[in-house]
Amino acid sequence: MEASQLSNIDAASFFAGMFTTVIIAALAVIILYFRFNAWKQKNAASSYLDNHQHYTANMQQ
């Protein structure tokens, strides 16, 4: 096998590996972002409910 063919195969496998790595990293970032968003919204909703309950409890006193 010639050296030029070998370097072409190395470059192709290198770019394939880079492409796969970038895709996996992007998926991980997207999943983490949505998890964080859902967690943030859940916390906001629960704090809103807590405030609402405190408010109604104060009204009933």
Protein backbone atom coordinates (compact mmCIF):
# COMPACT_ATOMS: atom_id res chain seq x y z
CA MET A 1 0.00 0.00 0.00
CA GLU A 2 1.31 3.46 -0.83
CA ALA A 3 1.94 6.09 1.80
CA SER A 4 -0.59 8.49 0.25
CA GLN A 5 -3.37 5.91 0.55
CA LEU A 6 -2.41 5.24 4.15
CA SER A 7 -2.51 8.95 5.03
CA ASN A 8 -5.90 9.29 3.31
CA ILE A 9 -7.31 6.45 5.42
CA ASP A 10 -5.85 7.98 8.57
CA ALA A 11 -7.40 11.35 7.76
CA ALA A 12 -10.78 9.75 7.03
CA SER A 13 -10.80 7.80 10.29
CA PHE A 14 -9.62 10.89 12.17
CA PHE A 15 -12.45 13.01 10.78
CA ALA A 16 -14.96 10.22 11.43
CA GLY A 17 -13.80 10.06 15.04
CA MET A 18 -13.97 13.83 15.40
CA PHE A 19 -17.46 13.89 13.86
CA THR A 20 -18.68 11.17 16.23
CA THR A 21 -17.14 12.92 19.22
CA VAL A 22 -18.74 16.25 18.30
CA ILE A 23 -22.16 14.61 17.82
CA ILE A 24 -21.97 12.83 21.18
CA ALA A 25 -20.81 15.98 22.95
CA ALA A 26 -23.63 18.01 21.38
CA LEU A 27 -26.21 15.42 22.44
CA ALA A 28 -24.84 15.41 25.99
CA VAL A 29 -24.99 19.22 26.15
CA ILE A 30 -28.57 19.28 24.81
CA ILE A 31 -29.72 16.61 27.28
CA LEU A 32 -28.06 18.39 30.19
CA TYR A 33 -29.57 21.71 29.11
CA PHE A 34 -33.10 20.31 28.99
CA ARG A 35 -32.63 18.51 32.32
CA PHE A 36 -31.40 21.75 33.91
CA ASN A 37 -34.29 23.70 32.39
CA ALA A 38 -36.86 21.21 33.68
CA TRP A 39 -35.22 21.23 37.13
CA LYS A 40 -35.23 25.03 37.18
CA GLN A 41 -38.90 25.18 36.16
CA LYS A 42 -39.82 22.53 38.74
CA ASN A 43 -38.08 24.56 41.46
CA ALA A 44 -39.81 27.75 40.32
CA ALA A 45 -43.20 26.02 40.32
CA SER A 46 -42.68 24.53 43.78
CA SER A 47 -41.51 27.85 45.23
CA TYR A 48 -44.55 29.54 43.66
CA LEU A 49 -46.82 26.95 45.27
CA ASP A 50 -45.08 27.43 48.62
CA ASN A 51 -45.56 31.19 48.42
CA HIS A 52 -49.20 30.70 47.43
CA GLN A 53 -49.83 28.40 50.38
CA HIS A 54 -48.18 30.85 52.77
CA TYR A 55 -50.28 33.64 51.31
CA THR A 56 -53.56 31.72 51.70
CA ALA A 57 -52.55 30.64 55.22
CA ASN A 58 -51.97 34.29 56.15
CA MET A 59 -55.35 35.20 54.67
CA GLN A 60 -57.12 32.58 56.80
CA GLN A 61 -55.60 33.77 60.07
